[in-house]
Amino acid sequence: MTTAKSFEKPLTPEEEIKYLTEFKIEEDRNAKDILIERNMRLVAYIAKKYNNAAEDQDDLISIGTIGL
């Protein structure tokens, strides 16, 4: 389970290819969820890079989540 301060570890390149393939070819909803969850760290990193205000940062993370 993730909290606001911790995210799942990023996927390895091999895992990413595996889940992308499962999602693309088999339309596996679980693979899609894993791809989204494991890329949340990147969303948070980018949001922090572009903004320092806590409120705006939450908005950027929300937008990034929708984008995933």
PDB file of N, CA and C in Angstrom:
ATOM      1  N   MET A   1       0.841  -1.189   0.000  1.00  0.00           N
ATOM      2  CA  MET A   1       0.000   0.000   0.000  1.00  0.00           C
ATOM      3  C   MET A   1       0.879   1.242   0.000  1.00  0.00           C
ATOM      4  N   THR A   2       0.517   2.241  -0.788  1.00  0.00           N
ATOM      5  CA  THR A   2       1.299   3.456  -0.854  1.00  0.00           C
ATOM      6  C   THR A   2       0.645   4.544  -0.026  1.00  0.00           C
ATOM      7  N   THR A   3       1.460   5.472   0.448  1.00  0.00           N
ATOM      8  CA  THR A   3       0.956   6.634   1.159  1.00  0.00           C
ATOM      9  C   THR A   3       1.353   7.863   0.369  1.00  0.00           C
ATOM     10  N   ALA A   4       0.977   9.027   0.875  1.00  0.00           N
ATOM     11  CA  ALA A   4       1.292  10.261   0.168  1.00  0.00           C
ATOM     12  C   ALA A   4       2.806  10.478   0.068  1.00  0.00           C
ATOM     13  N   LYS A   5       3.579   9.907   0.975  1.00  0.00           N
ATOM     14  CA  LYS A   5       5.020  10.138   0.996  1.00  0.00           C
ATOM     15  C   LYS A   5       5.826   9.005   0.364  1.00  0.00           C
ATOM     16  N   SER A   6       5.229   7.881   0.062  1.00  0.00           N
ATOM     17  CA  SER A   6       6.004   6.787  -0.516  1.00  0.00           C
ATOM     18  C   SER A   6       5.279   6.196  -1.722  1.00  0.00           C
ATOM     19  N   PHE A   7       6.080   5.809  -2.678  1.00  0.00           N
ATOM     20  CA  PHE A   7       5.541   5.232  -3.903  1.00  0.00           C
ATOM     21  C   PHE A   7       6.197   3.890  -4.137  1.00  0.00           C
ATOM     22  N   GLU A   8       5.541   3.079  -4.942  1.00  0.00           N
ATOM     23  CA  GLU A   8       6.118   1.802  -5.346  1.00  0.00           C
ATOM     24  C   GLU A   8       7.413   2.068  -6.101  1.00  0.00           C
ATOM     25  N   LYS A   9       8.311   1.101  -6.064  1.00  0.00           N
ATOM     26  CA  LYS A   9       9.556   1.240  -6.822  1.00  0.00           C
ATOM     27  C   LYS A   9       9.237   1.229  -8.316  1.00  0.00           C
ATOM     28  N   PRO A  10      10.029   1.964  -9.111  1.00  0.00           N
ATOM     29  CA  PRO A  10       9.800   1.968 -10.571  1.00  0.00           C
ATOM     30  C   PRO A  10       9.993   0.569 -11.157  1.00  0.00           C
ATOM     31  N   LEU A  11       9.353   0.350 -12.274  1.00  0.00           N
ATOM     32  CA  LEU A  11       9.505  -0.916 -12.982  1.00  0.00           C
ATOM     33  C   LEU A  11      10.875  -0.977 -13.653  1.00  0.00           C
ATOM     34  N   THR A  12      11.390  -2.181 -13.760  1.00  0.00           N
ATOM     35  CA  THR A  12      12.602  -2.366 -14.554  1.00  0.00           C
ATOM     36  C   THR A  12      12.186  -2.251 -16.025  1.00  0.00           C
ATOM     37  N   PRO A  13      13.129  -2.018 -16.926  1.00  0.00           N
ATOM     38  CA  PRO A  13      12.763  -1.958 -18.351  1.00  0.00           C
ATOM     39  C   PRO A  13      12.053  -3.237 -18.832  1.00  0.00           C
ATOM     40  N   GLU A  14      12.485  -4.370 -18.321  1.00  0.00           N
ATOM     41  CA  GLU A  14      11.865  -5.641 -18.713  1.00  0.00           C
ATOM     42  C   GLU A  14      10.425  -5.722 -18.218  1.00  0.00           C
ATOM     43  N   GLU A  15      10.201  -5.303 -16.959  1.00  0.00           N
ATOM     44  CA  GLU A  15       8.845  -5.320 -16.400  1.00  0.00           C
ATOM     45  C   GLU A  15       7.939  -4.350 -17.158  1.00  0.00           C
ATOM     46  N   GLU A  16       8.487  -3.194 -17.483  1.00  0.00           N
ATOM     47  CA  GLU A  16       7.697  -2.202 -18.204  1.00  0.00           C
ATOM     48  C   GLU A  16       7.254  -2.744 -19.564  1.00  0.00           C
ATOM     49  N   ILE A  17       8.153  -3.382 -20.279  1.00  0.00           N
ATOM     50  CA  ILE A  17       7.805  -3.986 -21.570  1.00  0.00           C
ATOM     51  C   ILE A  17       6.744  -5.061 -21.384  1.00  0.00           C
ATOM     52  N   LYS A  18       6.906  -5.876 -20.364  1.00  0.00           N
ATOM     53  CA  LYS A  18       5.947  -6.953 -20.090  1.00  0.00           C
ATOM     54  C   LYS A  18       4.542  -6.387 -19.859  1.00  0.00           C
ATOM     55  N   TYR A  19       4.433  -5.379 -18.965  1.00  0.00           N
ATOM     56  CA  TYR A  19       3.118  -4.831 -18.647  1.00  0.00           C
ATOM     57  C   TYR A  19       2.537  -4.024 -19.805  1.00  0.00           C
ATOM     58  N   LEU A  20       3.385  -3.325 -20.548  1.00  0.00           N
ATOM     59  CA  LEU A  20       2.891  -2.613 -21.727  1.00  0.00           C
ATOM     60  C   LEU A  20       2.332  -3.586 -22.759  1.00  0.00           C
ATOM     61  N   THR A  21       3.024  -4.702 -22.937  1.00  0.00           N
ATOM     62  CA  THR A  21       2.565  -5.723 -23.873  1.00  0.00           C
ATOM     63  C   THR A  21       1.243  -6.332 -23.413  1.00  0.00           C
ATOM     64  N   GLU A  22       1.173  -6.661 -22.120  1.00  0.00           N
ATOM     65  CA  GLU A  22      -0.069  -7.239 -21.580  1.00  0.00           C
ATOM     66  C   GLU A  22      -1.233  -6.272 -21.749  1.00  0.00           C
ATOM     67  N   PHE A  23      -0.976  -5.001 -21.508  1.00  0.00           N
ATOM     68  CA  PHE A  23      -2.047  -4.028 -21.635  1.00  0.00           C
ATOM     69  C   PHE A  23      -2.442  -3.817 -23.089  1.00  0.00           C
ATOM     70  N   LYS A  24      -1.438  -3.679 -23.938  1.00  0.00           N
ATOM     71  CA  LYS A  24      -1.700  -3.369 -25.341  1.00  0.00           C
ATOM     72  C   LYS A  24      -2.342  -4.529 -26.087  1.00  0.00           C
ATOM     73  N   ILE A  25      -1.804  -5.727 -25.900  1.00  0.00           N
ATOM     74  CA  ILE A  25      -2.275  -6.887 -26.662  1.00  0.00           C
ATOM     75  C   ILE A  25      -3.483  -7.548 -26.002  1.00  0.00           C
ATOM     76  N   GLU A  26      -3.394  -7.746 -24.701  1.00  0.00           N
ATOM     77  CA  GLU A  26      -4.449  -8.481 -23.992  1.00  0.00           C
ATOM     78  C   GLU A  26      -5.474  -7.572 -23.329  1.00  0.00           C
ATOM     79  N   GLU A  27      -5.238  -6.240 -23.377  1.00  0.00           N
ATOM     80  CA  GLU A  27      -6.106  -5.273 -22.719  1.00  0.00           C
ATOM     81  C   GLU A  27      -6.300  -5.605 -21.242  1.00  0.00           C
ATOM     82  N   ASP A  28      -5.212  -6.016 -20.609  1.00  0.00           N
ATOM     83  CA  ASP A  28      -5.214  -6.409 -19.199  1.00  0.00           C
ATOM     84  C   ASP A  28      -5.300  -5.173 -18.312  1.00  0.00           C
ATOM     85  N   ARG A  29      -6.419  -5.033 -17.612  1.00  0.00           N
ATOM     86  CA  ARG A  29      -6.656  -3.873 -16.732  1.00  0.00           C
ATOM     87  C   ARG A  29      -5.647  -3.845 -15.582  1.00  0.00           C
ATOM     88  N   ASN A  30      -5.275  -5.000 -15.057  1.00  0.00           N
ATOM     89  CA  ASN A  30      -4.303  -5.066 -13.971  1.00  0.00           C
ATOM     90  C   ASN A  30      -2.945  -4.531 -14.422  1.00  0.00           C
ATOM     91  N   ALA A  31      -2.541  -4.843 -15.640  1.00  0.00           N
ATOM     92  CA  ALA A  31      -1.275  -4.340 -16.180  1.00  0.00           C
ATOM     93  C   ALA A  31      -1.317  -2.822 -16.287  1.00  0.00           C
ATOM     94  N   LYS A  32      -2.440  -2.279 -16.712  1.00  0.00           N
ATOM     95  CA  LYS A  32      -2.602  -0.830 -16.809  1.00  0.00           C
ATOM     96  C   LYS A  32      -2.461  -0.189 -15.429  1.00  0.00           C
ATOM     97  N   ASP A  33      -3.108  -0.763 -14.427  1.00  0.00           N
ATOM     98  CA  ASP A  33      -3.036  -0.239 -13.061  1.00  0.00           C
ATOM     99  C   ASP A  33      -1.603  -0.262 -12.530  1.00  0.00           C
ATOM    100  N   ILE A  34      -0.889  -1.324 -12.804  1.00  0.00           N
ATOM    101  CA  ILE A  34       0.508  -1.434 -12.356  1.00  0.00           C
ATOM    102  C   ILE A  34       1.359  -0.358 -13.019  1.00  0.00           C
ATOM    103  N   LEU A  35       1.182  -0.156 -14.316  1.00  0.00           N
ATOM    104  CA  LEU A  35       1.933   0.878 -15.023  1.00  0.00           C
ATOM    105  C   LEU A  35       1.668   2.259 -14.417  1.00  0.00           C
ATOM    106  N   ILE A  36       0.433   2.538 -14.098  1.00  0.00           N
ATOM    107  CA  ILE A  36       0.080   3.832 -13.503  1.00  0.00           C
ATOM    108  C   ILE A  36       0.696   3.972 -12.113  1.00  0.00           C
ATOM    109  N   GLU A  37       0.497   2.973 -11.270  1.00  0.00           N
ATOM    110  CA  GLU A  37       1.005   3.037  -9.891  1.00  0.00           C
ATOM    111  C   GLU A  37       2.520   3.185  -9.850  1.00  0.00           C
ATOM    112  N   ARG A  38       3.205   2.466 -10.705  1.00  0.00           N
ATOM    113  CA  ARG A  38       4.665   2.478 -10.670  1.00  0.00           C
ATOM    114  C   ARG A  38       5.263   3.739 -11.285  1.00  0.00           C
ATOM    115  N   ASN A  39       4.461   4.537 -11.991  1.00  0.00           N
ATOM    116  CA  ASN A  39       4.957   5.783 -12.561  1.00  0.00           C
ATOM    117  C   ASN A  39       4.546   7.014 -11.754  1.00  0.00           C
ATOM    118  N   MET A  40       3.875   6.801 -10.640  1.00  0.00           N
ATOM    119  CA  MET A  40       3.477   7.922  -9.788  1.00  0.00           C
ATOM    120  C   MET A  40       4.684   8.654  -9.208  1.00  0.00           C
ATOM    121  N   ARG A  41       5.750   7.945  -8.957  1.00  0.00           N
ATOM    122  CA  ARG A  41       6.973   8.579  -8.444  1.00  0.00           C
ATOM    123  C   ARG A  41       7.470   9.632  -9.453  1.00  0.00           C
ATOM    124  N   LEU A  42       7.404   9.302 -10.732  1.00  0.00           N
ATOM    125  CA  LEU A  42       7.825  10.238 -11.768  1.00  0.00           C
ATOM    126  C   LEU A  42       6.920  11.467 -11.779  1.00  0.00           C
ATOM    127  N   VAL A  43       5.623  11.264 -11.644  1.00  0.00           N
ATOM    128  CA  VAL A  43       4.678  12.383 -11.597  1.00  0.00           C
ATOM    129  C   VAL A  43       5.017  13.312 -10.435  1.00  0.00           C
ATOM    130  N   ALA A  44       5.249  12.744  -9.254  1.00  0.00           N
ATOM    131  CA  ALA A  44       5.577  13.554  -8.077  1.00  0.00           C
ATOM    132  C   ALA A  44       6.899  14.296  -8.277  1.00  0.00           C
ATOM    133  N   TYR A  45       7.878  13.641  -8.861  1.00  0.00           N
ATOM    134  CA  TYR A  45       9.171  14.258  -9.119  1.00  0.00           C
ATOM    135  C   TYR A  45       9.024  15.469 -10.047  1.00  0.00           C
ATOM    136  N   ILE A  46       8.274  15.297 -11.109  1.00  0.00           N
ATOM    137  CA  ILE A  46       8.082  16.391 -12.065  1.00  0.00           C
ATOM    138  C   ILE A  46       7.302  17.533 -11.420  1.00  0.00           C
ATOM    139  N   ALA A  47       6.275  17.202 -10.630  1.00  0.00           N
ATOM    140  CA  ALA A  47       5.490  18.239  -9.952  1.00  0.00           C
ATOM    141  C   ALA A  47       6.368  19.045  -9.003  1.00  0.00           C
ATOM    142  N   LYS A  48       7.227  18.379  -8.260  1.00  0.00           N
ATOM    143  CA  LYS A  48       8.134  19.074  -7.333  1.00  0.00           C
ATOM    144  C   LYS A  48       9.119  19.954  -8.080  1.00  0.00           C
ATOM    145  N   LYS A  49       9.551  19.504  -9.224  1.00  0.00           N
ATOM    146  CA  LYS A  49      10.536  20.235 -10.019  1.00  0.00           C
ATOM    147  C   LYS A  49       9.986  21.578 -10.505  1.00  0.00           C
ATOM    148  N   TYR A  50       8.694  21.619 -10.796  1.00  0.00           N
ATOM    149  CA  TYR A  50       8.103  22.815 -11.373  1.00  0.00           C
ATOM    150  C   TYR A  50       7.390  23.717 -10.385  1.00  0.00           C
ATOM    151  N   ASN A  51       7.243  23.293  -9.143  1.00  0.00           N
ATOM    152  CA  ASN A  51       6.496  24.124  -8.207  1.00  0.00           C
ATOM    153  C   ASN A  51       6.915  23.840  -6.774  1.00  0.00           C
ATOM    154  N   ASN A  52       6.924  24.868  -5.939  1.00  0.00           N
ATOM    155  CA  ASN A  52       7.289  24.702  -4.534  1.00  0.00           C
ATOM    156  C   ASN A  52       6.113  24.846  -3.576  1.00  0.00           C
ATOM    157  N   ALA A  53       5.017  25.419  -3.994  1.00  0.00           N
ATOM    158  CA  ALA A  53       3.851  25.589  -3.121  1.00  0.00           C
ATOM    159  C   ALA A  53       3.124  24.263  -2.964  1.00  0.00           C
ATOM    160  N   ALA A  54       2.842  23.888  -1.720  1.00  0.00           N
ATOM    161  CA  ALA A  54       2.227  22.585  -1.438  1.00  0.00           C
ATOM    162  C   ALA A  54       0.871  22.427  -2.120  1.00  0.00           C
ATOM    163  N   GLU A  55       0.040  23.449  -2.107  1.00  0.00           N
ATOM    164  CA  GLU A  55      -1.287  23.355  -2.717  1.00  0.00           C
ATOM    165  C   GLU A  55      -1.180  23.117  -4.224  1.00  0.00           C
ATOM    166  N   ASP A  56      -0.363  23.925  -4.874  1.00  0.00           N
ATOM    167  CA  ASP A  56      -0.203  23.780  -6.318  1.00  0.00           C
ATOM    168  C   ASP A  56       0.434  22.440  -6.672  1.00  0.00           C
ATOM    169  N   GLN A  57       1.318  21.958  -5.816  1.00  0.00           N
ATOM    170  CA  GLN A  57       1.969  20.681  -6.056  1.00  0.00           C
ATOM    171  C   GLN A  57       0.941  19.555  -6.063  1.00  0.00           C
ATOM    172  N   ASP A  58      -0.014  19.593  -5.136  1.00  0.00           N
ATOM    173  CA  ASP A  58      -1.077  18.582  -5.115  1.00  0.00           C
ATOM    174  C   ASP A  58      -1.893  18.627  -6.405  1.00  0.00           C
ATOM    175  N   ASP A  59      -2.159  19.839  -6.886  1.00  0.00           N
ATOM    176  CA  ASP A  59      -2.898  19.975  -8.145  1.00  0.00           C
ATOM    177  C   ASP A  59      -2.106  19.386  -9.313  1.00  0.00           C
ATOM    178  N   LEU A  60      -0.804  19.665  -9.339  1.00  0.00           N
ATOM    179  CA  LEU A  60       0.030  19.119 -10.416  1.00  0.00           C
ATOM    180  C   LEU A  60       0.084  17.599 -10.366  1.00  0.00           C
ATOM    181  N   ILE A  61       0.159  17.040  -9.170  1.00  0.00           N
ATOM    182  CA  ILE A  61       0.166  15.572  -9.027  1.00  0.00           C
ATOM    183  C   ILE A  61      -1.164  14.996  -9.495  1.00  0.00           C
ATOM    184  N   SER A  62      -2.257  15.666  -9.154  1.00  0.00           N
ATOM    185  CA  SER A  62      -3.588  15.207  -9.612  1.00  0.00           C
ATOM    186  C   SER A  62      -3.678  15.213 -11.129  1.00  0.00           C
ATOM    187  N   ILE A  63      -3.198  16.278 -11.732  1.00  0.00           N
ATOM    188  CA  ILE A  63      -3.216  16.392 -13.187  1.00  0.00           C
ATOM    189  C   ILE A  63      -2.328  15.314 -13.817  1.00  0.00           C
ATOM    190  N   GLY A  64      -1.155  15.094 -13.217  1.00  0.00           N
ATOM    191  CA  GLY A  64      -0.254  14.055 -13.710  1.00  0.00           C
ATOM    192  C   GLY A  64      -0.869  12.669 -13.624  1.00  0.00           C
ATOM    193  N   THR A  65      -1.601  12.427 -12.544  1.00  0.00           N
ATOM    194  CA  THR A  65      -2.271  11.139 -12.369  1.00  0.00           C
ATOM    195  C   THR A  65      -3.317  10.930 -13.451  1.00  0.00           C
ATOM    196  N   ILE A  66      -4.060  11.951 -13.736  1.00  0.00           N
ATOM    197  CA  ILE A  66      -5.070  11.869 -14.804  1.00  0.00           C
ATOM    198  C   ILE A  66      -4.379  11.598 -16.137  1.00  0.00           C
ATOM    199  N   GLY A  67      -3.230  12.252 -16.345  1.00  0.00           N
ATOM    200  CA  GLY A  67      -2.483  12.058 -17.583  1.00  0.00           C
ATOM    201  C   GLY A  67      -2.006  10.628 -17.767  1.00  0.00           C
ATOM    202  N   LEU A  68      -1.636   9.987 -16.649  1.00  0.00           N
ATOM    203  CA  LEU A  68      -1.204   8.594 -16.764  1.00  0.00           C
ATOM    204  C   LEU A  68      -2.371   7.734 -17.197  1.00  0.00           C
TER     205      LEU A  68
END
